[in-house]
Amino acid sequence: MITGAVKNKVDDIWQRMWEGGITNPIEVIMQLTYLMFMESLDDKELEIEQMEMMGVAAGKRVFPQTEEGQSIRWSHFKDLPAEQMFEVVSQKAFPFIKTMHSDNAFAESMEDASFGFTKPKTLEKAVSGIDDLLSNYVNESDDLGDLYEYMLSKLNTAGANGQFRTPQHIRNMMVALADPKPGQRICDIKTPRLIQFNYSSAAYLQAG
């Protein structure tokens, strides 16, 4: 059962990402999932290393045994300065998880994956938050199902908070097609809302 403390930590990470420009809740969950996967890979590598130290055959290593291969491990980049962390994760760690399996369902699911962070500080805060969250949560429960269930539950309130937003190019197209005049209203027949296009939005598009 997820605790209030865990929920607060998830909410804090969510807020930091929202402030950093990642406002679509589905995108937030996707990006957090990628980061959590990176953390779990490093945990697995640590387990293999510990078993090898005890003389137990533990199977194939997760990361390449090179300086660059080790640089993309969570335990390596999580404490780096924001700019350096951003470079490592965006240019090395993320491409690695996209291509680590090339012939199974995982590869297919990652085919269209994209790195959604654009600000180093936002990534730094997300990594720091996840590291704190998982270091305590996983010790208490091996099942992350409750954690994901809570994150998914936030989709129910996202619309009310204005986090489902129409992309700018779609808004511009809607204005161009409707060609609204000052004072006019356009009804979206698929949803029970009235979308008001004021004169400034129409003038902006036409001027562009």
Protein backbone atom coordinates (compact mmCIF):
# COMPACT_ATOMS: atom_id res chain seq x y z
CA MET A 1 0.00 0.00 0.00
CA ILE A 2 1.47 3.34 -1.02
CA THR A 3 1.96 5.74 1.87
CA GLY A 4 1.28 9.44 2.12
CA ALA A 5 5.02 10.12 2.23
CA VAL A 6 5.52 8.30 -1.06
CA LYS A 7 2.62 10.19 -2.65
CA ASN A 8 4.15 13.47 -1.53
CA LYS A 9 7.45 12.53 -3.16
CA VAL A 10 5.71 11.61 -6.41
CA ASP A 11 3.77 14.87 -6.31
CA ASP A 12 6.98 16.83 -5.77
CA ILE A 13 8.69 15.18 -8.75
CA TRP A 14 5.57 15.77 -10.85
CA GLN A 15 5.52 19.45 -9.87
CA ARG A 16 9.20 19.92 -10.70
CA MET A 17 8.65 18.45 -14.17
CA TRP A 18 5.56 20.59 -14.72
CA GLU A 19 7.55 23.68 -13.77
CA GLY A 20 10.24 22.56 -16.22
CA GLY A 21 7.80 22.51 -19.12
CA ILE A 22 6.73 18.84 -19.21
CA THR A 23 3.03 19.44 -18.60
CA ASN A 24 1.37 16.53 -20.38
CA PRO A 25 0.78 13.95 -17.61
CA ILE A 26 1.22 11.01 -19.98
CA GLU A 27 4.59 12.40 -21.03
CA VAL A 28 5.52 12.87 -17.37
CA ILE A 29 4.78 9.21 -16.65
CA MET A 30 6.71 8.06 -19.72
CA GLN A 31 9.80 10.09 -18.85
CA LEU A 32 9.70 8.97 -15.22
CA THR A 33 9.39 5.37 -16.39
CA TYR A 34 12.50 5.69 -18.55
CA LEU A 35 14.46 7.12 -15.62
CA MET A 36 13.18 4.45 -13.23
CA PHE A 37 14.21 1.81 -15.75
CA MET A 38 17.72 3.26 -15.85
CA GLU A 39 17.85 3.08 -12.05
CA SER A 40 16.65 -0.53 -12.04
CA LEU A 41 19.33 -1.53 -14.57
CA ASP A 42 22.00 -0.15 -12.27
CA ASP A 43 20.48 -2.05 -9.33
CA LYS A 44 20.67 -5.24 -11.37
CA GLU A 45 24.30 -4.54 -12.26
CA LEU A 46 25.12 -3.99 -8.58
CA GLU A 47 23.55 -7.36 -7.71
CA ILE A 48 25.64 -9.08 -10.39
CA GLU A 49 28.79 -7.42 -9.08
CA GLN A 50 28.04 -8.50 -5.51
CA MET A 51 27.41 -12.08 -6.56
CA GLU A 52 30.64 -12.17 -8.57
CA MET A 53 32.54 -10.92 -5.51
CA MET A 54 31.20 -13.96 -3.65
CA GLY A 55 32.36 -16.24 -6.45
CA VAL A 56 28.88 -16.90 -7.80
CA ALA A 57 28.27 -16.90 -11.56
CA ALA A 58 25.65 -14.22 -12.09
CA GLY A 59 25.22 -14.08 -15.84
CA LYS A 60 25.90 -11.37 -18.38
CA ARG A 61 26.64 -7.84 -17.25
CA VAL A 62 24.10 -5.15 -18.09
CA PHE A 63 26.53 -2.40 -19.03
CA PRO A 64 29.64 -2.53 -21.23
CA GLN A 65 32.79 -2.94 -19.15
CA THR A 66 34.38 0.19 -20.57
CA GLU A 67 34.78 3.67 -19.17
CA GLU A 68 31.98 4.97 -21.37
CA GLY A 69 29.79 1.98 -20.59
CA GLN A 70 30.14 2.57 -16.87
CA SER A 71 29.50 6.30 -17.27
CA ILE A 72 25.87 5.67 -18.22
CA ARG A 73 25.03 3.88 -14.99
CA TRP A 74 22.58 5.60 -12.66
CA SER A 75 25.02 5.49 -9.76
CA HIS A 76 27.53 7.37 -11.90
CA PHE A 77 25.45 10.16 -13.40
CA LYS A 78 22.93 10.80 -10.60
CA ASP A 79 25.31 13.08 -8.70
CA LEU A 80 26.79 14.90 -11.69
CA PRO A 81 26.24 18.65 -12.19
CA ALA A 82 23.04 19.38 -14.13
CA GLU A 83 24.67 20.23 -17.47
CA GLN A 84 26.97 17.22 -17.39
CA MET A 85 24.17 14.91 -16.30
CA PHE A 86 21.98 16.14 -19.14
CA GLU A 87 24.69 15.39 -21.69
CA VAL A 88 25.32 11.89 -20.35
CA VAL A 89 21.66 10.92 -20.07
CA SER A 90 20.43 12.46 -23.33
CA GLN A 91 23.41 11.49 -25.50
CA LYS A 92 24.46 8.16 -23.97
CA ALA A 93 22.20 6.60 -21.32
CA PHE A 94 18.88 7.10 -23.10
CA PRO A 95 20.13 5.87 -26.50
CA PHE A 96 21.56 2.85 -24.67
CA ILE A 97 18.22 1.75 -23.21
CA LYS A 98 16.57 2.27 -26.60
CA THR A 99 18.96 -0.10 -28.34
CA MET A 100 19.97 -2.57 -25.63
CA HIS A 101 17.53 -5.17 -27.00
CA SER A 102 17.05 -5.23 -30.74
CA ASP A 103 14.98 -8.33 -31.32
CA ASN A 104 12.14 -8.50 -28.83
CA ALA A 105 8.97 -6.77 -27.66
CA PHE A 106 10.95 -4.36 -25.51
CA ALA A 107 12.75 -3.03 -28.58
CA GLU A 108 9.43 -2.51 -30.34
CA SER A 109 8.02 -0.60 -27.38
CA MET A 110 11.08 1.67 -27.29
CA GLU A 111 11.21 2.27 -31.04
CA ASP A 112 9.35 5.58 -30.86
CA ALA A 113 10.58 6.58 -27.41
CA SER A 114 11.99 10.09 -27.15
CA PHE A 115 13.89 11.94 -24.49
CA GLY A 116 11.49 14.60 -23.26
CA PHE A 117 13.69 16.72 -21.02
CA THR A 118 14.88 19.99 -22.50
CA LYS A 119 16.26 21.65 -19.37
CA PRO A 120 19.23 20.22 -17.44
CA LYS A 121 17.89 21.49 -14.10
CA THR A 122 14.56 19.74 -14.64
CA LEU A 123 16.33 16.46 -15.35
CA GLU A 124 18.55 16.92 -12.30
CA LYS A 125 15.52 17.45 -10.05
CA ALA A 126 13.71 14.45 -11.53
CA VAL A 127 16.73 12.17 -11.09
CA SER A 128 17.28 13.38 -7.53
CA GLY A 129 13.60 12.89 -6.71
CA ILE A 130 13.45 9.40 -8.19
CA ASP A 131 16.65 8.38 -6.42
CA ASP A 132 15.19 9.45 -3.08
CA LEU A 133 11.82 7.88 -3.85
CA LEU A 134 13.11 4.47 -4.91
CA SER A 135 15.85 4.19 -2.30
CA ASN A 136 13.16 4.18 0.38
CA TYR A 137 10.16 2.74 -1.44
CA VAL A 138 11.79 -0.35 -2.93
CA ASN A 139 13.24 -1.28 0.44
CA GLU A 140 9.71 -1.55 1.79
CA SER A 141 8.04 -3.17 -1.20
CA ASP A 142 9.28 -5.14 -4.18
CA ASP A 143 6.12 -4.32 -6.12
CA LEU A 144 6.05 -1.00 -7.95
CA GLY A 145 2.46 -1.60 -9.03
CA ASP A 146 1.01 0.68 -6.34
CA LEU A 147 3.43 3.42 -7.33
CA TYR A 148 2.36 3.28 -10.97
CA GLU A 149 -1.29 3.06 -9.98
CA TYR A 150 -0.92 6.31 -8.08
CA MET A 151 0.82 8.02 -10.99
CA LEU A 152 -1.89 6.84 -13.36
CA SER A 153 -4.56 8.12 -10.99
CA LYS A 154 -3.17 11.60 -11.54
CA LEU A 155 -4.45 11.42 -15.12
CA ASN A 156 -7.97 11.77 -13.72
CA THR A 157 -7.24 15.24 -12.35
CA ALA A 158 -4.89 16.42 -15.06
CA GLY A 159 -7.64 17.84 -17.24
CA ALA A 160 -9.04 19.87 -14.37
CA ASN A 161 -5.58 21.29 -13.76
CA GLY A 162 -5.15 22.34 -17.39
CA GLN A 163 -2.42 19.82 -18.10
CA PHE A 164 -4.03 18.39 -21.25
CA ARG A 165 -3.20 21.12 -23.71
CA THR A 166 -3.75 21.31 -27.43
CA PRO A 167 -0.38 21.64 -29.24
CA GLN A 168 0.32 25.04 -30.73
CA HIS A 169 0.35 23.86 -34.34
CA ILE A 170 -3.12 22.36 -33.86
CA ARG A 171 -4.41 25.56 -32.26
CA ASN A 172 -2.99 27.57 -35.15
CA MET A 173 -4.63 25.28 -37.68
CA MET A 174 -7.99 25.59 -35.89
CA VAL A 175 -7.75 29.38 -35.97
CA ALA A 176 -6.79 29.37 -39.65
CA LEU A 177 -9.67 27.09 -40.65
CA ALA A 178 -12.29 28.88 -38.57
CA ASP A 179 -11.05 32.40 -39.35
CA PRO A 180 -12.80 33.79 -36.26
CA LYS A 181 -13.85 37.41 -35.98
CA PRO A 182 -13.88 39.52 -32.83
CA GLY A 183 -16.67 38.43 -30.47
CA GLN A 184 -17.41 35.14 -32.24
CA ARG A 185 -17.47 31.76 -30.51
CA ILE A 186 -16.70 28.36 -31.97
CA CYS A 187 -18.25 25.22 -30.52
CA ASP A 188 -16.29 21.98 -30.27
CA ILE A 189 -19.03 19.43 -30.93
CA LYS A 190 -16.96 16.52 -29.60
CA THR A 191 -16.57 17.94 -26.12
CA PRO A 192 -19.01 19.94 -23.97
CA ARG A 193 -16.96 23.11 -24.07
CA LEU A 194 -17.08 26.43 -25.81
CA ILE A 195 -13.72 27.47 -27.18
CA GLN A 196 -13.41 31.22 -27.45
CA PHE A 197 -11.00 32.55 -30.00
CA ASN A 198 -10.34 36.19 -29.28
CA TYR A 199 -9.17 38.70 -31.80
CA SER A 200 -5.55 38.63 -30.69
CA SER A 201 -5.11 34.91 -31.41
CA ALA A 202 -6.57 35.23 -34.90
CA ALA A 203 -4.54 38.33 -35.62
CA TYR A 204 -1.38 36.61 -34.39
CA LEU A 205 -1.82 33.67 -36.77
CA GLN A 206 -2.73 35.83 -39.74
CA ALA A 207 0.23 38.09 -39.07
CA GLY A 208 2.54 35.05 -38.96
